PDB file of N, CA and C in Angstrom:
ATOM      1  N   MET A   1      58.606  33.960  94.683  1.00  0.00           N
ATOM      2  CA  MET A   1      57.402  33.447  95.290  1.00  0.00           C
ATOM      3  C   MET A   1      56.656  34.564  96.020  1.00  0.00           C
ATOM      4  N   ASN A   2      57.385  35.566  96.467  1.00  0.00           N
ATOM      5  CA  ASN A   2      56.729  36.693  97.127  1.00  0.00           C
ATOM      6  C   ASN A   2      55.731  37.370  96.198  1.00  0.00           C
ATOM      7  N   ALA A   3      56.054  37.432  94.904  1.00  0.00           N
ATOM      8  CA  ALA A   3      55.162  38.056  93.932  1.00  0.00           C
ATOM      9  C   ALA A   3      53.824  37.322  93.842  1.00  0.00           C
ATOM     10  N   LEU A   4      53.828  36.048  94.227  1.00  0.00           N
ATOM     11  CA  LEU A   4      52.603  35.255  94.217  1.00  0.00           C
ATOM     12  C   LEU A   4      51.868  35.326  95.551  1.00  0.00           C
ATOM     13  N   GLY A   5      52.407  36.097  96.483  1.00  0.00           N
ATOM     14  CA  GLY A   5      51.798  36.189  97.806  1.00  0.00           C
ATOM     15  C   GLY A   5      52.209  35.053  98.723  1.00  0.00           C
ATOM     16  N   CYS A   6      53.254  34.341  98.360  1.00  0.00           N
ATOM     17  CA  CYS A   6      53.755  33.224  99.159  1.00  0.00           C
ATOM     18  C   CYS A   6      55.046  33.665  99.838  1.00  0.00           C
ATOM     19  N   PHE A   7      55.009  33.763 101.140  1.00  0.00           N
ATOM     20  CA  PHE A   7      56.158  34.286 101.881  1.00  0.00           C
ATOM     21  C   PHE A   7      56.877  33.173 102.644  1.00  0.00           C
ATOM     22  N   VAL A   8      57.173  32.111 101.937  1.00  0.00           N
ATOM     23  CA  VAL A   8      57.882  30.968 102.489  1.00  0.00           C
ATOM     24  C   VAL A   8      59.363  31.135 102.188  1.00  0.00           C
ATOM     25  N   LYS A   9      60.197  30.731 103.119  1.00  0.00           N
ATOM     26  CA  LYS A   9      61.645  30.782 102.916  1.00  0.00           C
ATOM     27  C   LYS A   9      62.023  29.894 101.735  1.00  0.00           C
ATOM     28  N   VAL A  10      62.770  30.435 100.798  1.00  0.00           N
ATOM     29  CA  VAL A  10      63.260  29.676  99.651  1.00  0.00           C
ATOM     30  C   VAL A  10      64.750  29.452  99.840  1.00  0.00           C
ATOM     31  N   ILE A  11      65.149  28.184  99.842  1.00  0.00           N
ATOM     32  CA  ILE A  11      66.552  27.817 100.017  1.00  0.00           C
ATOM     33  C   ILE A  11      67.051  27.296  98.676  1.00  0.00           C
ATOM     34  N   ASP A  12      68.017  27.979  98.134  1.00  0.00           N
ATOM     35  CA  ASP A  12      68.517  27.671  96.802  1.00  0.00           C
ATOM     36  C   ASP A  12      69.628  26.633  96.869  1.00  0.00           C
ATOM     37  N   GLY A  13      69.251  25.415  97.154  1.00  0.00           N
ATOM     38  CA  GLY A  13      70.184  24.307  97.125  1.00  0.00           C
ATOM     39  C   GLY A  13      70.938  24.053  98.416  1.00  0.00           C
ATOM     40  N   CYS A  14      71.634  22.927  98.424  1.00  0.00           N
ATOM     41  CA  CYS A  14      72.396  22.500  99.594  1.00  0.00           C
ATOM     42  C   CYS A  14      73.558  23.428  99.900  1.00  0.00           C
ATOM     43  N   GLN A  15      74.092  24.095  98.886  1.00  0.00           N
ATOM     44  CA  GLN A  15      75.194  25.030  99.129  1.00  0.00           C
ATOM     45  C   GLN A  15      74.744  26.139 100.065  1.00  0.00           C
ATOM     46  N   GLN A  16      73.522  26.627  99.890  1.00  0.00           N
ATOM     47  CA  GLN A  16      73.005  27.662 100.784  1.00  0.00           C
ATOM     48  C   GLN A  16      72.807  27.100 102.188  1.00  0.00           C
ATOM     49  N   LEU A  17      72.400  25.834 102.297  1.00  0.00           N
ATOM     50  CA  LEU A  17      72.327  25.196 103.616  1.00  0.00           C
ATOM     51  C   LEU A  17      73.713  25.141 104.246  1.00  0.00           C
ATOM     52  N   ASP A  18      74.708  24.748 103.446  1.00  0.00           N
ATOM     53  CA  ASP A  18      76.090  24.692 103.942  1.00  0.00           C
ATOM     54  C   ASP A  18      76.541  26.051 104.461  1.00  0.00           C
ATOM     55  N   ASP A  19      76.300  27.085 103.676  1.00  0.00           N
ATOM     56  CA  ASP A  19      76.744  28.433 104.035  1.00  0.00           C
ATOM     57  C   ASP A  19      76.114  28.913 105.333  1.00  0.00           C
ATOM     58  N   ASN A  20      74.898  28.469 105.617  1.00  0.00           N
ATOM     59  CA  ASN A  20      74.191  28.925 106.806  1.00  0.00           C
ATOM     60  C   ASN A  20      74.307  27.953 107.971  1.00  0.00           C
ATOM     61  N   THR A  21      75.157  26.948 107.837  1.00  0.00           N
ATOM     62  CA  THR A  21      75.350  25.960 108.887  1.00  0.00           C
ATOM     63  C   THR A  21      76.747  26.050 109.496  1.00  0.00           C
ATOM     64  N   LYS A  22      77.669  26.686 108.809  1.00  0.00           N
ATOM     65  CA  LYS A  22      79.087  26.638 109.174  1.00  0.00           C
ATOM     66  C   LYS A  22      79.386  27.001 110.622  1.00  0.00           C
ATOM     67  N   ALA A  23      78.893  28.101 111.104  1.00  0.00           N
ATOM     68  CA  ALA A  23      79.300  28.595 112.419  1.00  0.00           C
ATOM     69  C   ALA A  23      78.584  27.887 113.567  1.00  0.00           C
ATOM     70  N   LEU A  24      77.279  28.018 113.632  1.00  0.00           N
ATOM     71  CA  LEU A  24      76.546  27.559 114.811  1.00  0.00           C
ATOM     72  C   LEU A  24      75.509  26.491 114.519  1.00  0.00           C
ATOM     73  N   GLY A  25      75.588  25.850 113.398  1.00  0.00           N
ATOM     74  CA  GLY A  25      74.556  24.898 113.029  1.00  0.00           C
ATOM     75  C   GLY A  25      73.450  25.616 112.276  1.00  0.00           C
ATOM     76  N   LEU A  26      72.478  24.874 111.845  1.00  0.00           N
ATOM     77  CA  LEU A  26      71.407  25.429 111.022  1.00  0.00           C
ATOM     78  C   LEU A  26      70.515  26.345 111.843  1.00  0.00           C
ATOM     79  N   SER A  27      70.407  27.592 111.416  1.00  0.00           N
ATOM     80  CA  SER A  27      69.576  28.553 112.144  1.00  0.00           C
ATOM     81  C   SER A  27      68.105  28.231 111.936  1.00  0.00           C
ATOM     82  N   SER A  28      67.265  28.739 112.828  1.00  0.00           N
ATOM     83  CA  SER A  28      65.833  28.466 112.742  1.00  0.00           C
ATOM     84  C   SER A  28      65.239  28.984 111.437  1.00  0.00           C
ATOM     85  N   ASP A  29      65.847  30.020 110.848  1.00  0.00           N
ATOM     86  CA  ASP A  29      65.365  30.547 109.570  1.00  0.00           C
ATOM     87  C   ASP A  29      65.483  29.529 108.442  1.00  0.00           C
ATOM     88  N   PHE A  30      66.371  28.569 108.596  1.00  0.00           N
ATOM     89  CA  PHE A  30      66.614  27.606 107.529  1.00  0.00           C
ATOM     90  C   PHE A  30      66.073  26.219 107.849  1.00  0.00           C
ATOM     91  N   LYS A  31      65.268  26.087 108.887  1.00  0.00           N
ATOM     92  CA  LYS A  31      64.749  24.777 109.254  1.00  0.00           C
ATOM     93  C   LYS A  31      63.435  24.441 108.572  1.00  0.00           C
ATOM     94  N   GLU A  32      62.832  25.417 107.912  1.00  0.00           N
ATOM     95  CA  GLU A  32      61.639  25.121 107.129  1.00  0.00           C
ATOM     96  C   GLU A  32      61.573  26.058 105.940  1.00  0.00           C
ATOM     97  N   GLY A  33      60.821  25.640 104.961  1.00  0.00           N
ATOM     98  CA  GLY A  33      60.708  26.422 103.742  1.00  0.00           C
ATOM     99  C   GLY A  33      60.671  25.513 102.536  1.00  0.00           C
ATOM    100  N   VAL A  34      61.123  26.030 101.422  1.00  0.00           N
ATOM    101  CA  VAL A  34      61.181  25.282 100.171  1.00  0.00           C
ATOM    102  C   VAL A  34      62.647  25.154  99.780  1.00  0.00           C
ATOM    103  N   LEU A  35      63.093  23.923  99.612  1.00  0.00           N
ATOM    104  CA  LEU A  35      64.476  23.662  99.223  1.00  0.00           C
ATOM    105  C   LEU A  35      64.494  23.231  97.761  1.00  0.00           C
ATOM    106  N   PHE A  36      65.208  23.965  96.945  1.00  0.00           N
ATOM    107  CA  PHE A  36      65.386  23.601  95.538  1.00  0.00           C
ATOM    108  C   PHE A  36      66.720  22.882  95.396  1.00  0.00           C
ATOM    109  N   SER A  37      66.716  21.814  94.606  1.00  0.00           N
ATOM    110  CA  SER A  37      67.941  21.060  94.379  1.00  0.00           C
ATOM    111  C   SER A  37      67.926  20.503  92.961  1.00  0.00           C
ATOM    112  N   THR A  38      69.088  20.403  92.373  1.00  0.00           N
ATOM    113  CA  THR A  38      69.195  19.782  91.055  1.00  0.00           C
ATOM    114  C   THR A  38      69.413  18.281  91.230  1.00  0.00           C
ATOM    115  N   TYR A  39      69.200  17.534  90.173  1.00  0.00           N
ATOM    116  CA  TYR A  39      69.505  16.104  90.225  1.00  0.00           C
ATOM    117  C   TYR A  39      70.994  15.896  90.469  1.00  0.00           C
ATOM    118  N   SER A  40      71.828  16.743  89.890  1.00  0.00           N
ATOM    119  CA  SER A  40      73.280  16.627  90.088  1.00  0.00           C
ATOM    120  C   SER A  40      73.644  16.776  91.555  1.00  0.00           C
ATOM    121  N   THR A  41      72.988  17.711  92.233  1.00  0.00           N
ATOM    122  CA  THR A  41      73.245  17.884  93.663  1.00  0.00           C
ATOM    123  C   THR A  41      72.754  16.677  94.438  1.00  0.00           C
ATOM    124  N   LEU A  42      71.575  16.169  94.099  1.00  0.00           N
ATOM    125  CA  LEU A  42      70.996  15.032  94.808  1.00  0.00           C
ATOM    126  C   LEU A  42      71.915  13.821  94.784  1.00  0.00           C
ATOM    127  N   ILE A  43      72.594  13.598  93.675  1.00  0.00           N
ATOM    128  CA  ILE A  43      73.462  12.418  93.575  1.00  0.00           C
ATOM    129  C   ILE A  43      74.877  12.693  94.072  1.00  0.00           C
ATOM    130  N   GLY A  44      75.129  13.917  94.531  1.00  0.00           N
ATOM    131  CA  GLY A  44      76.463  14.280  95.008  1.00  0.00           C
ATOM    132  C   GLY A  44      76.907  13.419  96.179  1.00  0.00           C
ATOM    133  N   GLY A  45      78.101  12.912  96.091  1.00  0.00           N
ATOM    134  CA  GLY A  45      78.642  12.060  97.139  1.00  0.00           C
ATOM    135  C   GLY A  45      79.069  12.836  98.363  1.00  0.00           C
ATOM    136  N   ALA A  46      79.390  12.092  99.389  1.00  0.00           N
ATOM    137  CA  ALA A  46      79.841  12.695 100.641  1.00  0.00           C
ATOM    138  C   ALA A  46      81.265  13.210 100.491  1.00  0.00           C
ATOM    139  N   LYS A  47      81.534  14.303 101.167  1.00  0.00           N
ATOM    140  CA  LYS A  47      82.889  14.829 101.244  1.00  0.00           C
ATOM    141  C   LYS A  47      83.422  14.468 102.620  1.00  0.00           C
ATOM    142  N   PRO A  48      84.738  14.463 102.801  1.00  0.00           N
ATOM    143  CA  PRO A  48      85.291  14.114 104.111  1.00  0.00           C
ATOM    144  C   PRO A  48      84.649  14.940 105.231  1.00  0.00           C
ATOM    145  N   GLY A  49      84.119  14.253 106.218  1.00  0.00           N
ATOM    146  CA  GLY A  49      83.517  14.925 107.363  1.00  0.00           C
ATOM    147  C   GLY A  49      82.114  15.455 107.125  1.00  0.00           C
ATOM    148  N   ARG A  50      81.534  15.148 105.974  1.00  0.00           N
ATOM    149  CA  ARG A  50      80.187  15.637 105.653  1.00  0.00           C
ATOM    150  C   ARG A  50      79.333  14.499 105.102  1.00  0.00           C
ATOM    151  N   PRO A  51      78.031  14.587 105.341  1.00  0.00           N
ATOM    152  CA  PRO A  51      77.143  13.574 104.761  1.00  0.00           C
ATOM    153  C   PRO A  51      76.953  13.819 103.268  1.00  0.00           C
ATOM    154  N   SER A  52      76.415  12.821 102.587  1.00  0.00           N
ATOM    155  CA  SER A  52      76.090  13.014 101.168  1.00  0.00           C
ATOM    156  C   SER A  52      74.972  14.046 101.062  1.00  0.00           C
ATOM    157  N   ARG A  53      74.781  14.574  99.868  1.00  0.00           N
ATOM    158  CA  ARG A  53      73.707  15.546  99.666  1.00  0.00           C
ATOM    159  C   ARG A  53      72.351  14.900  99.925  1.00  0.00           C
ATOM    160  N   LEU A  54      72.181  13.653  99.530  1.00  0.00           N
ATOM    161  CA  LEU A  54      70.935  12.939  99.797  1.00  0.00           C
ATOM    162  C   LEU A  54      70.672  12.889 101.298  1.00  0.00           C
ATOM    163  N   GLU A  55      71.688  12.507 102.068  1.00  0.00           N
ATOM    164  CA  GLU A  55      71.547  12.449 103.526  1.00  0.00           C
ATOM    165  C   GLU A  55      71.251  13.828 104.103  1.00  0.00           C
ATOM    166  N   GLN A  56      71.891  14.850 103.563  1.00  0.00           N
ATOM    167  CA  GLN A  56      71.679  16.214 104.034  1.00  0.00           C
ATOM    168  C   GLN A  56      70.232  16.654 103.777  1.00  0.00           C
ATOM    169  N   ILE A  57      69.708  16.327 102.613  1.00  0.00           N
ATOM    170  CA  ILE A  57      68.334  16.699 102.281  1.00  0.00           C
ATOM    171  C   ILE A  57      67.346  15.942 103.163  1.00  0.00           C
ATOM    172  N   VAL A  58      67.576  14.647 103.355  1.00  0.00           N
ATOM    173  CA  VAL A  58      66.696  13.850 104.221  1.00  0.00           C
ATOM    174  C   VAL A  58      66.701  14.410 105.638  1.00  0.00           C
ATOM    175  N   LYS A  59      67.871  14.765 106.140  1.00  0.00           N
ATOM    176  CA  LYS A  59      67.962  15.339 107.487  1.00  0.00           C
ATOM    177  C   LYS A  59      67.218  16.670 107.558  1.00  0.00           C
ATOM    178  N   TRP A  60      67.397  17.531 106.549  1.00  0.00           N
ATOM    179  CA  TRP A  60      66.717  18.823 106.539  1.00  0.00           C
ATOM    180  C   TRP A  60      65.199  18.625 106.542  1.00  0.00           C
ATOM    181  N   CYS A  61      64.734  17.598 105.824  1.00  0.00           N
ATOM    182  CA  CYS A  61      63.295  17.309 105.776  1.00  0.00           C
ATOM    183  C   CYS A  61      62.771  16.770 107.105  1.00  0.00           C
ATOM    184  N   GLY A  62      63.639  16.237 107.938  1.00  0.00           N
ATOM    185  CA  GLY A  62      63.205  15.714 109.227  1.00  0.00           C
ATOM    186  C   GLY A  62      63.100  14.202 109.276  1.00  0.00           C
ATOM    187  N   GLY A  63      63.584  13.529 108.258  1.00  0.00           N
ATOM    188  CA  GLY A  63      63.587  12.073 108.269  1.00  0.00           C
ATOM    189  C   GLY A  63      62.237  11.466 107.943  1.00  0.00           C
ATOM    190  N   GLU A  64      62.025  10.264 108.460  1.00  0.00           N
ATOM    191  CA  GLU A  64      60.862   9.477 108.049  1.00  0.00           C
ATOM    192  C   GLU A  64      59.514  10.053 108.473  1.00  0.00           C
ATOM    193  N   THR A  65      59.496  11.061 109.326  1.00  0.00           N
ATOM    194  CA  THR A  65      58.225  11.689 109.704  1.00  0.00           C
ATOM    195  C   THR A  65      57.825  12.826 108.757  1.00  0.00           C
ATOM    196  N   PHE A  66      58.684  13.161 107.809  1.00  0.00           N
ATOM    197  CA  PHE A  66      58.398  14.225 106.837  1.00  0.00           C
ATOM    198  C   PHE A  66      57.169  13.858 106.019  1.00  0.00           C
ATOM    199  N   ASP A  67      56.194  14.756 106.000  1.00  0.00           N
ATOM    200  CA  ASP A  67      54.995  14.499 105.206  1.00  0.00           C
ATOM    201  C   ASP A  67      54.721  15.637 104.224  1.00  0.00           C
ATOM    202  N   GLY A  68      55.788  16.296 103.825  1.00  0.00           N
ATOM    203  CA  GLY A  68      55.686  17.373 102.846  1.00  0.00           C
ATOM    204  C   GLY A  68      55.696  16.829 101.431  1.00  0.00           C
ATOM    205  N   VAL A  69      56.030  17.685 100.507  1.00  0.00           N
ATOM    206  CA  VAL A  69      55.968  17.340  99.085  1.00  0.00           C
ATOM    207  C   VAL A  69      57.365  17.286  98.476  1.00  0.00           C
ATOM    208  N   LEU A  70      57.609  16.254  97.703  1.00  0.00           N
ATOM    209  CA  LEU A  70      58.804  16.144  96.867  1.00  0.00           C
ATOM    210  C   LEU A  70      58.333  16.301  95.427  1.00  0.00           C
ATOM    211  N   VAL A  71      58.873  17.267  94.724  1.00  0.00           N
ATOM    212  CA  VAL A  71      58.508  17.467  93.320  1.00  0.00           C
ATOM    213  C   VAL A  71      59.734  17.179  92.469  1.00  0.00           C
ATOM    214  N   PHE A  72      59.599  16.231  91.576  1.00  0.00           N
ATOM    215  CA  PHE A  72      60.680  15.899  90.658  1.00  0.00           C
ATOM    216  C   PHE A  72      60.317  16.460  89.289  1.00  0.00           C
ATOM    217  N   ASP A  73      60.864  17.638  88.987  1.00  0.00           N
ATOM    218  CA  ASP A  73      60.632  18.255  87.686  1.00  0.00           C
ATOM    219  C   ASP A  73      61.558  17.598  86.669  1.00  0.00           C
ATOM    220  N   GLU A  74      61.159  17.625  85.428  1.00  0.00           N
ATOM    221  CA  GLU A  74      61.928  16.949  84.376  1.00  0.00           C
ATOM    222  C   GLU A  74      62.206  15.505  84.806  1.00  0.00           C
ATOM    223  N   CYS A  75      61.126  14.833  85.234  1.00  0.00           N
ATOM    224  CA  CYS A  75      61.255  13.506  85.847  1.00  0.00           C
ATOM    225  C   CYS A  75      61.853  12.455  84.916  1.00  0.00           C
ATOM    226  N   HIS A  76      61.856  12.708  83.611  1.00  0.00           N
ATOM    227  CA  HIS A  76      62.495  11.756  82.701  1.00  0.00           C
ATOM    228  C   HIS A  76      63.987  11.613  83.014  1.00  0.00           C
ATOM    229  N   ARG A  77      64.553  12.584  83.737  1.00  0.00           N
ATOM    230  CA  ARG A  77      65.971  12.496  84.130  1.00  0.00           C
ATOM    231  C   ARG A  77      66.204  11.379  85.148  1.00  0.00           C
ATOM    232  N   ALA A  78      65.127  10.945  85.820  1.00  0.00           N
ATOM    233  CA  ALA A  78      65.255   9.939  86.872  1.00  0.00           C
ATOM    234  C   ALA A  78      64.874   8.541  86.394  1.00  0.00           C
ATOM    235  N   LYS A  79      64.796   8.353  85.090  1.00  0.00           N
ATOM    236  CA  LYS A  79      64.388   7.038  84.594  1.00  0.00           C
ATOM    237  C   LYS A  79      65.557   6.056  84.625  1.00  0.00           C
ATOM    238  N   ASN A  80      65.259   4.845  84.253  1.00  0.00           N
ATOM    239  CA  ASN A  80      66.242   3.752  84.181  1.00  0.00           C
ATOM    240  C   ASN A  80      66.618   3.204  85.546  1.00  0.00           C
ATOM    241  N   PHE A  81      65.600   2.861  86.334  1.00  0.00           N
ATOM    242  CA  PHE A  81      65.815   2.151  87.596  1.00  0.00           C
ATOM    243  C   PHE A  81      65.432   0.699  87.363  1.00  0.00           C
ATOM    244  N   PHE A  82      66.337  -0.204  87.702  1.00  0.00           N
ATOM    245  CA  PHE A  82      66.108  -1.622  87.482  1.00  0.00           C
ATOM    246  C   PHE A  82      66.233  -2.380  88.794  1.00  0.00           C
ATOM    247  N   ILE A  83      65.410  -3.411  88.938  1.00  0.00           N
ATOM    248  CA  ILE A  83      65.411  -4.254  90.140  1.00  0.00           C
ATOM    249  C   ILE A  83      65.964  -5.625  89.755  1.00  0.00           C
ATOM    250  N   GLY A  84      66.600  -6.275  90.710  1.00  0.00           N
ATOM    251  CA  GLY A  84      67.066  -7.638  90.497  1.00  0.00           C
ATOM    252  C   GLY A  84      68.404  -7.710  89.793  1.00  0.00           C
ATOM    253  N   GLU A  85      68.511  -8.655  88.881  1.00  0.00           N
ATOM    254  CA  GLU A  85      69.781  -8.908  88.198  1.00  0.00           C
ATOM    255  C   GLU A  85      70.296  -7.703  87.420  1.00  0.00           C
ATOM    256  N   ASN A  86      69.404  -6.858  86.952  1.00  0.00           N
ATOM    257  CA  ASN A  86      69.805  -5.694  86.157  1.00  0.00           C
ATOM    258  C   ASN A  86      70.019  -4.441  86.996  1.00  0.00           C
ATOM    259  N   SER A  87      69.995  -4.558  88.317  1.00  0.00           N
ATOM    260  CA  SER A  87      70.062  -3.363  89.170  1.00  0.00           C
ATOM    261  C   SER A  87      71.344  -2.556  88.962  1.00  0.00           C
ATOM    262  N   ASP A  88      72.414  -3.210  88.540  1.00  0.00           N
ATOM    263  CA  ASP A  88      73.666  -2.480  88.288  1.00  0.00           C
ATOM    264  C   ASP A  88      73.535  -1.506  87.113  1.00  0.00           C
ATOM    265  N   ALA A  89      72.549  -1.725  86.265  1.00  0.00           N
ATOM    266  CA  ALA A  89      72.340  -0.851  85.110  1.00  0.00           C
ATOM    267  C   ALA A  89      71.554   0.415  85.477  1.00  0.00           C
ATOM    268  N   SER A  90      71.064   0.492  86.713  1.00  0.00           N
ATOM    269  CA  SER A  90      70.317   1.677  87.150  1.00  0.00           C
ATOM    270  C   SER A  90      71.227   2.895  87.186  1.00  0.00           C
ATOM    271  N   THR A  91      70.688   4.046  86.824  1.00  0.00           N
ATOM    272  CA  THR A  91      71.471   5.280  86.883  1.00  0.00           C
ATOM    273  C   THR A  91      71.565   5.767  88.326  1.00  0.00           C
ATOM    274  N   LYS A  92      72.601   6.549  88.623  1.00  0.00           N
ATOM    275  CA  LYS A  92      72.748   7.120  89.966  1.00  0.00           C
ATOM    276  C   LYS A  92      71.545   7.986  90.314  1.00  0.00           C
ATOM    277  N   THR A  93      71.063   8.723  89.326  1.00  0.00           N
ATOM    278  CA  THR A  93      69.917   9.599  89.569  1.00  0.00           C
ATOM    279  C   THR A  93      68.690   8.786  89.941  1.00  0.00           C
ATOM    280  N   SER A  94      68.405   7.731  89.193  1.00  0.00           N
ATOM    281  CA  SER A  94      67.222   6.923  89.501  1.00  0.00           C
ATOM    282  C   SER A  94      67.346   6.272  90.874  1.00  0.00           C
ATOM    283  N   LYS A  95      68.543   5.819  91.230  1.00  0.00           N
ATOM    284  CA  LYS A  95      68.745   5.215  92.553  1.00  0.00           C
ATOM    285  C   LYS A  95      68.487   6.225  93.671  1.00  0.00           C
ATOM    286  N   CYS A  96      68.960   7.449  93.491  1.00  0.00           N
ATOM    287  CA  CYS A  96      68.764   8.481  94.519  1.00  0.00           C
ATOM    288  C   CYS A  96      67.301   8.894  94.634  1.00  0.00           C
ATOM    289  N   VAL A  97      66.604   8.970  93.509  1.00  0.00           N
ATOM    290  CA  VAL A  97      65.183   9.328  93.544  1.00  0.00           C
ATOM    291  C   VAL A  97      64.393   8.257  94.296  1.00  0.00           C
ATOM    292  N   ILE A  98      64.694   6.998  94.055  1.00  0.00           N
ATOM    293  CA  ILE A  98      64.034   5.908  94.782  1.00  0.00           C
ATOM    294  C   ILE A  98      64.431   5.942  96.253  1.00  0.00           C
ATOM    295  N   GLU A  99      65.706   6.147  96.540  1.00  0.00           N
ATOM    296  CA  GLU A  99      66.202   6.141  97.918  1.00  0.00           C
ATOM    297  C   GLU A  99      65.581   7.254  98.760  1.00  0.00           C
ATOM    298  N   ILE A 100      65.464   8.454  98.215  1.00  0.00           N
ATOM    299  CA  ILE A 100      64.894   9.549  99.004  1.00  0.00           C
ATOM    300  C   ILE A 100      63.428   9.256  99.326  1.00  0.00           C
ATOM    301  N   GLN A 101      62.737   8.587  98.405  1.00  0.00           N
ATOM    302  CA  GLN A 101      61.349   8.223  98.681  1.00  0.00           C
ATOM    303  C   GLN A 101      61.257   7.134  99.749  1.00  0.00           C
ATOM    304  N   LYS A 102      62.214   6.218  99.776  1.00  0.00           N
ATOM    305  CA  LYS A 102      62.245   5.193 100.824  1.00  0.00           C
ATOM    306  C   LYS A 102      62.508   5.825 102.184  1.00  0.00           C
ATOM    307  N   ARG A 103      63.408   6.802 102.224  1.00  0.00           N
ATOM    308  CA  ARG A 103      63.770   7.441 103.492  1.00  0.00           C
ATOM    309  C   ARG A 103      62.725   8.441 103.974  1.00  0.00           C
ATOM    310  N   LEU A 104      61.867   8.894 103.070  1.00  0.00           N
ATOM    311  CA  LEU A 104      60.793   9.836 103.414  1.00  0.00           C
ATOM    312  C   LEU A 104      59.460   9.199 103.004  1.00  0.00           C
ATOM    313  N   PRO A 105      59.073   8.103 103.684  1.00  0.00           N
ATOM    314  CA  PRO A 105      57.927   7.311 103.231  1.00  0.00           C
ATOM    315  C   PRO A 105      56.573   8.022 103.285  1.00  0.00           C
ATOM    316  N   LEU A 106      56.444   9.065 104.073  1.00  0.00           N
ATOM    317  CA  LEU A 106      55.171   9.783 104.171  1.00  0.00           C
ATOM    318  C   LEU A 106      55.078  10.957 103.200  1.00  0.00           C
ATOM    319  N   ALA A 107      56.147  11.199 102.470  1.00  0.00           N
ATOM    320  CA  ALA A 107      56.182  12.337 101.540  1.00  0.00           C
ATOM    321  C   ALA A 107      55.173  12.146 100.416  1.00  0.00           C
ATOM    322  N   ARG A 108      54.617  13.247 100.008  1.00  0.00           N
ATOM    323  CA  ARG A 108      53.767  13.263  98.822  1.00  0.00           C
ATOM    324  C   ARG A 108      54.700  13.520  97.639  1.00  0.00           C
ATOM    325  N   VAL A 109      54.586  12.721  96.605  1.00  0.00           N
ATOM    326  CA  VAL A 109      55.546  12.785  95.502  1.00  0.00           C
ATOM    327  C   VAL A 109      54.841  13.183  94.208  1.00  0.00           C
ATOM    328  N   VAL A 110      55.416  14.167  93.536  1.00  0.00           N
ATOM    329  CA  VAL A 110      54.902  14.626  92.248  1.00  0.00           C
ATOM    330  C   VAL A 110      56.017  14.469  91.219  1.00  0.00           C
ATOM    331  N   TYR A 111      55.701  13.769  90.143  1.00  0.00           N
ATOM    332  CA  TYR A 111      56.615  13.674  89.011  1.00  0.00           C
ATOM    333  C   TYR A 111      56.066  14.589  87.923  1.00  0.00           C
ATOM    334  N   SER A 112      56.873  15.528  87.476  1.00  0.00           N
ATOM    335  CA  SER A 112      56.388  16.443  86.438  1.00  0.00           C
ATOM    336  C   SER A 112      57.421  16.562  85.325  1.00  0.00           C
ATOM    337  N   SER A 113      56.914  16.866  84.135  1.00  0.00           N
ATOM    338  CA  SER A 113      57.799  17.070  82.999  1.00  0.00           C
ATOM    339  C   SER A 113      57.035  17.802  81.908  1.00  0.00           C
ATOM    340  N   ALA A 114      57.678  18.755  81.301  1.00  0.00           N
ATOM    341  CA  ALA A 114      57.087  19.449  80.158  1.00  0.00           C
ATOM    342  C   ALA A 114      57.470  18.752  78.860  1.00  0.00           C
ATOM    343  N   THR A 115      58.291  17.713  78.970  1.00  0.00           N
ATOM    344  CA  THR A 115      58.711  16.952  77.805  1.00  0.00           C
ATOM    345  C   THR A 115      57.561  16.066  77.352  1.00  0.00           C
ATOM    346  N   GLY A 116      57.250  16.105  76.087  1.00  0.00           N
ATOM    347  CA  GLY A 116      56.175  15.278  75.555  1.00  0.00           C
ATOM    348  C   GLY A 116      56.496  13.799  75.710  1.00  0.00           C
ATOM    349  N   VAL A 117      55.491  13.022  76.083  1.00  0.00           N
ATOM    350  CA  VAL A 117      55.669  11.591  76.300  1.00  0.00           C
ATOM    351  C   VAL A 117      54.639  10.843  75.462  1.00  0.00           C
ATOM    352  N   THR A 118      55.099   9.907  74.665  1.00  0.00           N
ATOM    353  CA  THR A 118      54.177   9.114  73.856  1.00  0.00           C
ATOM    354  C   THR A 118      53.754   7.844  74.577  1.00  0.00           C
ATOM    355  N   GLU A 119      54.633   7.331  75.449  1.00  0.00           N
ATOM    356  CA  GLU A 119      54.328   6.124  76.211  1.00  0.00           C
ATOM    357  C   GLU A 119      54.875   6.282  77.619  1.00  0.00           C
ATOM    358  N   LEU A 120      54.145   5.741  78.597  1.00  0.00           N
ATOM    359  CA  LEU A 120      54.573   5.832  79.984  1.00  0.00           C
ATOM    360  C   LEU A 120      55.959   5.216  80.182  1.00  0.00           C
ATOM    361  N   GLY A 121      56.261   4.173  79.441  1.00  0.00           N
ATOM    362  CA  GLY A 121      57.558   3.512  79.545  1.00  0.00           C
ATOM    363  C   GLY A 121      58.733   4.429  79.257  1.00  0.00           C
ATOM    364  N   ASN A 122      58.501   5.520  78.554  1.00  0.00           N
ATOM    365  CA  ASN A 122      59.574   6.471  78.262  1.00  0.00           C
ATOM    366  C   ASN A 122      59.977   7.281  79.485  1.00  0.00           C
ATOM    367  N   LEU A 123      59.169   7.205  80.544  1.00  0.00           N
ATOM    368  CA  LEU A 123      59.516   7.886  81.792  1.00  0.00           C
ATOM    369  C   LEU A 123      60.056   6.921  82.832  1.00  0.00           C
ATOM    370  N   ALA A 124      59.906   5.627  82.606  1.00  0.00           N
ATOM    371  CA  ALA A 124      60.266   4.633  83.620  1.00  0.00           C
ATOM    372  C   ALA A 124      61.722   4.258  83.563  1.00  0.00           C
TER     373      ALA A 124
END
């Protein structure tokens, strides 16, 4: 990002947050910036004594007052969310994508994909 003239802290996933939190808590250098995460990380469960990755990301964002941007690249990976009687058929990824948006209600959300789509339903 520096090559583009953007000098924002880039955090390469929750593992980097973990590594910089161990001793004294999250340093001020890691309290803002751009956090990259995979869908696999987002759906990662809690480990003993630690919050889930979803909870960790929500906390890093600052909770419900966060008004930044969430970008879901390759958004077709988050499809198959069902409400009601079919909710058990929802994928873990789709549930987490919906949940993070519920917990960060002021966030601006971008769904992006370079995968060709013939019908909107193929992303839902």
